[in-house]
Amino acid sequence: MWAHSKKALLKAISDKAKAEETGEMAGWRLHDLRRTLSTGMNERGILPHYVEAILNHIDGHKAGNAGVYNRATYRAQMAQALAMNASHLAPLSASVL
């Protein structure tokens, strides 16, 4: 399922870049979505260890001994953070589509 969604997303971005003929999307990579998500969530005050958990990063707060002792999943906090992010993005996506 992810492969199909990824292919559709990349095609939509490519089509939009070609239609606008600006070349602004030429250097775009799928990983940019992760970077944008992380930056935006941190700027909106979401605690960094929740952002790291959403991105499924093992380093940082879960590295070394901290990861041995900290078995928290942060599910409720991640859900709240993602809901906050969705609320922030909804008006932006409505104006783009």
N, C-alpha and C. Protein backbone atom coordinates (compact mmCIF):
# COMPACT_ATOMS: atom_id res chain seq x y z
N MET A 1 0.83 -1.19 0.00
CA MET A 1 0.00 0.00 0.00
C MET A 1 0.88 1.25 0.00
N TRP A 2 1.94 1.27 0.84
CA TRP A 2 2.79 2.45 0.90
C TRP A 2 3.44 2.72 -0.45
N ALA A 3 3.91 1.67 -1.12
CA ALA A 3 4.58 1.86 -2.42
C ALA A 3 3.65 2.55 -3.41
N HIS A 4 2.37 2.17 -3.42
CA HIS A 4 1.41 2.79 -4.32
C HIS A 4 1.19 4.25 -3.94
N SER A 5 1.02 4.52 -2.66
CA SER A 5 0.81 5.89 -2.19
C SER A 5 2.02 6.77 -2.49
N LYS A 6 3.20 6.22 -2.26
CA LYS A 6 4.42 6.98 -2.53
C LYS A 6 4.53 7.31 -4.01
N LYS A 7 4.26 6.34 -4.87
CA LYS A 7 4.32 6.54 -6.31
C LYS A 7 3.33 7.62 -6.74
N ALA A 8 2.12 7.58 -6.19
CA ALA A 8 1.10 8.58 -6.53
C ALA A 8 1.51 9.97 -6.06
N LEU A 9 2.09 10.06 -4.88
CA LEU A 9 2.53 11.35 -4.34
C LEU A 9 3.64 11.93 -5.21
N LEU A 10 4.63 11.12 -5.52
CA LEU A 10 5.74 11.60 -6.35
C LEU A 10 5.26 12.03 -7.73
N LYS A 11 4.29 11.31 -8.30
CA LYS A 11 3.75 11.68 -9.61
C LYS A 11 3.00 13.02 -9.51
N ALA A 12 2.21 13.20 -8.46
CA ALA A 12 1.46 14.44 -8.29
C ALA A 12 2.41 15.63 -8.16
N ILE A 13 3.49 15.45 -7.42
CA ILE A 13 4.46 16.53 -7.24
C ILE A 13 5.17 16.82 -8.56
N SER A 14 5.54 15.78 -9.27
CA SER A 14 6.20 15.95 -10.56
C SER A 14 5.28 16.66 -11.56
N ASP A 15 4.02 16.24 -11.60
CA ASP A 15 3.05 16.86 -12.51
C ASP A 15 2.86 18.34 -12.18
N LYS A 16 2.78 18.66 -10.89
CA LYS A 16 2.59 20.05 -10.47
C LYS A 16 3.82 20.89 -10.86
N ALA A 17 5.00 20.35 -10.65
CA ALA A 17 6.23 21.08 -11.00
C ALA A 17 6.29 21.33 -12.50
N LYS A 18 5.90 20.32 -13.31
CA LYS A 18 5.92 20.48 -14.77
C LYS A 18 4.89 21.51 -15.21
N ALA A 19 3.72 21.49 -14.58
CA ALA A 19 2.65 22.41 -14.96
C ALA A 19 3.03 23.86 -14.64
N GLU A 20 3.72 24.04 -13.54
CA GLU A 20 4.10 25.40 -13.14
C GLU A 20 5.39 25.87 -13.81
N GLU A 21 6.16 24.93 -14.33
CA GLU A 21 7.41 25.21 -15.02
C GLU A 21 8.34 26.12 -14.23
N THR A 22 8.34 25.97 -12.91
CA THR A 22 9.22 26.80 -12.09
C THR A 22 10.49 26.07 -11.70
N GLY A 23 10.46 24.76 -11.72
CA GLY A 23 11.62 23.98 -11.32
C GLY A 23 11.86 24.00 -9.82
N GLU A 24 10.94 24.57 -9.04
CA GLU A 24 11.12 24.68 -7.59
C GLU A 24 11.14 23.33 -6.90
N MET A 25 10.54 22.32 -7.50
CA MET A 25 10.45 21.01 -6.87
C MET A 25 11.58 20.09 -7.32
N ALA A 26 12.48 20.58 -8.13
CA ALA A 26 13.51 19.71 -8.71
C ALA A 26 14.34 18.99 -7.66
N GLY A 27 14.68 19.65 -6.58
CA GLY A 27 15.51 19.02 -5.55
C GLY A 27 14.72 18.36 -4.44
N TRP A 28 13.43 18.23 -4.62
CA TRP A 28 12.56 17.69 -3.57
C TRP A 28 12.79 16.20 -3.40
N ARG A 29 12.79 15.77 -2.13
CA ARG A 29 12.91 14.35 -1.80
C ARG A 29 11.82 14.00 -0.78
N LEU A 30 11.41 12.76 -0.78
CA LEU A 30 10.39 12.31 0.15
C LEU A 30 10.82 12.57 1.60
N HIS A 31 12.10 12.47 1.87
CA HIS A 31 12.62 12.69 3.22
C HIS A 31 12.35 14.13 3.70
N ASP A 32 12.15 15.05 2.76
CA ASP A 32 11.84 16.43 3.13
C ASP A 32 10.55 16.53 3.94
N LEU A 33 9.61 15.60 3.73
CA LEU A 33 8.38 15.60 4.53
C LEU A 33 8.69 15.34 6.00
N ARG A 34 9.60 14.42 6.27
CA ARG A 34 10.00 14.12 7.66
C ARG A 34 10.66 15.34 8.29
N ARG A 35 11.54 15.99 7.54
CA ARG A 35 12.23 17.17 8.04
C ARG A 35 11.24 18.30 8.32
N THR A 36 10.32 18.49 7.41
CA THR A 36 9.32 19.54 7.59
C THR A 36 8.41 19.25 8.78
N LEU A 37 7.99 17.99 8.92
CA LEU A 37 7.17 17.59 10.06
C LEU A 37 7.91 17.85 11.36
N SER A 38 9.15 17.40 11.44
CA SER A 38 9.94 17.56 12.66
C SER A 38 10.13 19.04 12.99
N THR A 39 10.52 19.83 12.02
CA THR A 39 10.75 21.25 12.26
C THR A 39 9.47 21.94 12.72
N GLY A 40 8.38 21.69 12.02
CA GLY A 40 7.11 22.33 12.37
C GLY A 40 6.62 21.95 13.75
N MET A 41 6.70 20.67 14.08
CA MET A 41 6.23 20.23 15.40
C MET A 41 7.10 20.84 16.51
N ASN A 42 8.41 20.87 16.31
CA ASN A 42 9.28 21.47 17.31
C ASN A 42 9.01 22.97 17.44
N GLU A 43 8.75 23.66 16.33
CA GLU A 43 8.44 25.08 16.38
C GLU A 43 7.11 25.35 17.09
N ARG A 44 6.18 24.41 17.01
CA ARG A 44 4.88 24.60 17.68
C ARG A 44 4.92 24.13 19.13
N GLY A 45 6.09 23.77 19.62
CA GLY A 45 6.24 23.46 21.04
C GLY A 45 6.02 22.02 21.44
N ILE A 46 5.95 21.12 20.47
CA ILE A 46 5.81 19.70 20.81
C ILE A 46 7.16 19.22 21.31
N LEU A 47 7.16 18.54 22.43
CA LEU A 47 8.41 18.11 23.04
C LEU A 47 9.22 17.24 22.07
N PRO A 48 10.53 17.50 22.01
CA PRO A 48 11.36 16.79 21.03
C PRO A 48 11.30 15.27 21.13
N HIS A 49 11.17 14.72 22.33
CA HIS A 49 11.15 13.26 22.42
C HIS A 49 9.85 12.68 21.86
N TYR A 50 8.76 13.45 21.83
CA TYR A 50 7.54 12.99 21.18
C TYR A 50 7.73 13.02 19.66
N VAL A 51 8.37 14.08 19.18
CA VAL A 51 8.63 14.18 17.74
C VAL A 51 9.53 13.03 17.30
N GLU A 52 10.56 12.74 18.07
CA GLU A 52 11.46 11.64 17.75
C GLU A 52 10.71 10.30 17.71
N ALA A 53 9.77 10.13 18.64
CA ALA A 53 8.98 8.89 18.67
C ALA A 53 8.09 8.80 17.43
N ILE A 54 7.51 9.91 17.01
CA ILE A 54 6.67 9.93 15.81
C ILE A 54 7.50 9.55 14.59
N LEU A 55 8.72 10.04 14.53
CA LEU A 55 9.62 9.75 13.41
C LEU A 55 10.28 8.38 13.53
N ASN A 56 10.01 7.70 14.64
CA ASN A 56 10.57 6.37 14.91
C ASN A 56 12.10 6.39 14.98
N HIS A 57 12.63 7.47 15.58
CA HIS A 57 14.07 7.57 15.80
C HIS A 57 14.43 6.87 17.10
N ILE A 58 15.49 6.12 17.06
CA ILE A 58 15.96 5.40 18.25
C ILE A 58 16.98 6.22 19.02
N ASP A 59 17.66 7.12 18.32
CA ASP A 59 18.68 7.93 18.99
C ASP A 59 18.03 8.96 19.92
N GLY A 60 18.81 9.88 20.43
CA GLY A 60 18.27 10.90 21.30
C GLY A 60 17.83 10.34 22.64
N HIS A 61 16.57 10.51 22.98
CA HIS A 61 16.06 10.11 24.30
C HIS A 61 15.97 8.60 24.48
N LYS A 62 16.11 7.83 23.43
CA LYS A 62 16.01 6.37 23.54
C LYS A 62 17.37 5.68 23.29
N ALA A 63 18.43 6.47 23.15
CA ALA A 63 19.75 5.90 22.89
C ALA A 63 20.40 5.42 24.18
N GLY A 64 21.27 4.48 24.05
CA GLY A 64 22.07 4.01 25.19
C GLY A 64 21.22 3.52 26.34
N ASN A 65 21.66 3.85 27.56
CA ASN A 65 20.97 3.40 28.77
C ASN A 65 19.55 3.95 28.87
N ALA A 66 19.34 5.14 28.35
CA ALA A 66 17.99 5.72 28.41
C ALA A 66 16.98 4.80 27.72
N GLY A 67 17.38 4.23 26.59
CA GLY A 67 16.51 3.33 25.86
C GLY A 67 16.29 2.01 26.57
N VAL A 68 17.26 1.61 27.37
CA VAL A 68 17.13 0.36 28.13
C VAL A 68 16.06 0.52 29.20
N TYR A 69 16.05 1.67 29.86
CA TYR A 69 15.14 1.88 30.98
C TYR A 69 13.82 2.53 30.60
N ASN A 70 13.83 3.34 29.55
CA ASN A 70 12.61 4.04 29.14
C ASN A 70 11.88 3.21 28.10
N ARG A 71 10.81 2.56 28.52
CA ARG A 71 10.02 1.72 27.61
C ARG A 71 8.69 2.39 27.22
N ALA A 72 8.57 3.67 27.50
CA ALA A 72 7.34 4.40 27.17
C ALA A 72 7.11 4.41 25.66
N THR A 73 5.86 4.27 25.26
CA THR A 73 5.52 4.33 23.83
C THR A 73 5.05 5.72 23.41
N TYR A 74 4.61 6.53 24.35
CA TYR A 74 4.13 7.89 24.09
C TYR A 74 2.95 7.92 23.13
N ARG A 75 2.14 6.88 23.11
CA ARG A 75 1.04 6.81 22.14
C ARG A 75 0.06 7.97 22.29
N ALA A 76 -0.37 8.25 23.51
CA ALA A 76 -1.34 9.34 23.70
C ALA A 76 -0.72 10.69 23.32
N GLN A 77 0.53 10.88 23.69
CA GLN A 77 1.21 12.14 23.38
C GLN A 77 1.45 12.29 21.88
N MET A 78 1.78 11.18 21.23
CA MET A 78 1.97 11.23 19.78
C MET A 78 0.65 11.53 19.08
N ALA A 79 -0.41 10.92 19.53
CA ALA A 79 -1.73 11.18 18.93
C ALA A 79 -2.11 12.64 19.08
N GLN A 80 -1.86 13.20 20.26
CA GLN A 80 -2.17 14.61 20.50
C GLN A 80 -1.29 15.50 19.61
N ALA A 81 -0.01 15.17 19.49
CA ALA A 81 0.90 15.95 18.66
C ALA A 81 0.49 15.89 17.19
N LEU A 82 0.12 14.72 16.72
CA LEU A 82 -0.30 14.58 15.32
C LEU A 82 -1.62 15.30 15.05
N ALA A 83 -2.52 15.29 16.03
CA ALA A 83 -3.78 16.03 15.89
C ALA A 83 -3.51 17.53 15.82
N MET A 84 -2.58 18.01 16.65
CA MET A 84 -2.20 19.42 16.63
C MET A 84 -1.60 19.78 15.27
N ASN A 85 -0.77 18.90 14.76
CA ASN A 85 -0.15 19.15 13.46
C ASN A 85 -1.20 19.14 12.36
N ALA A 86 -2.15 18.22 12.42
CA ALA A 86 -3.22 18.17 11.41
C ALA A 86 -4.05 19.45 11.44
N SER A 87 -4.33 19.97 12.63
CA SER A 87 -5.09 21.22 12.75
C SER A 87 -4.33 22.38 12.12
N HIS A 88 -3.02 22.35 12.26
CA HIS A 88 -2.20 23.40 11.68
C HIS A 88 -2.17 23.29 10.14
N LEU A 89 -2.12 22.07 9.64
CA LEU A 89 -1.99 21.86 8.20
C LEU A 89 -3.30 21.97 7.42
N ALA A 90 -4.42 21.72 8.07
CA ALA A 90 -5.72 21.71 7.37
C ALA A 90 -5.97 22.97 6.55
N PRO A 91 -5.83 24.15 7.14
CA PRO A 91 -6.07 25.36 6.33
C PRO A 91 -5.07 25.52 5.19
N LEU A 92 -3.83 25.08 5.43
CA LEU A 92 -2.80 25.20 4.39
C LEU A 92 -3.10 24.28 3.21
N SER A 93 -3.50 23.04 3.51
CA SER A 93 -3.78 22.09 2.44
C SER A 93 -5.03 22.48 1.67
N ALA A 94 -6.00 23.09 2.34
CA ALA A 94 -7.22 23.52 1.66
C ALA A 94 -6.91 24.62 0.64
N SER A 95 -5.96 25.47 0.95
CA SER A 95 -5.62 26.56 0.02
C SER A 95 -4.79 26.05 -1.17
N VAL A 96 -4.07 24.95 -0.99
CA VAL A 96 -3.24 24.40 -2.07
C VAL A 96 -4.08 23.58 -3.03
N LEU A 97 -5.02 22.82 -2.48
CA LEU A 97 -5.84 21.95 -3.31
C LEU A 97 -6.90 22.77 -3.98
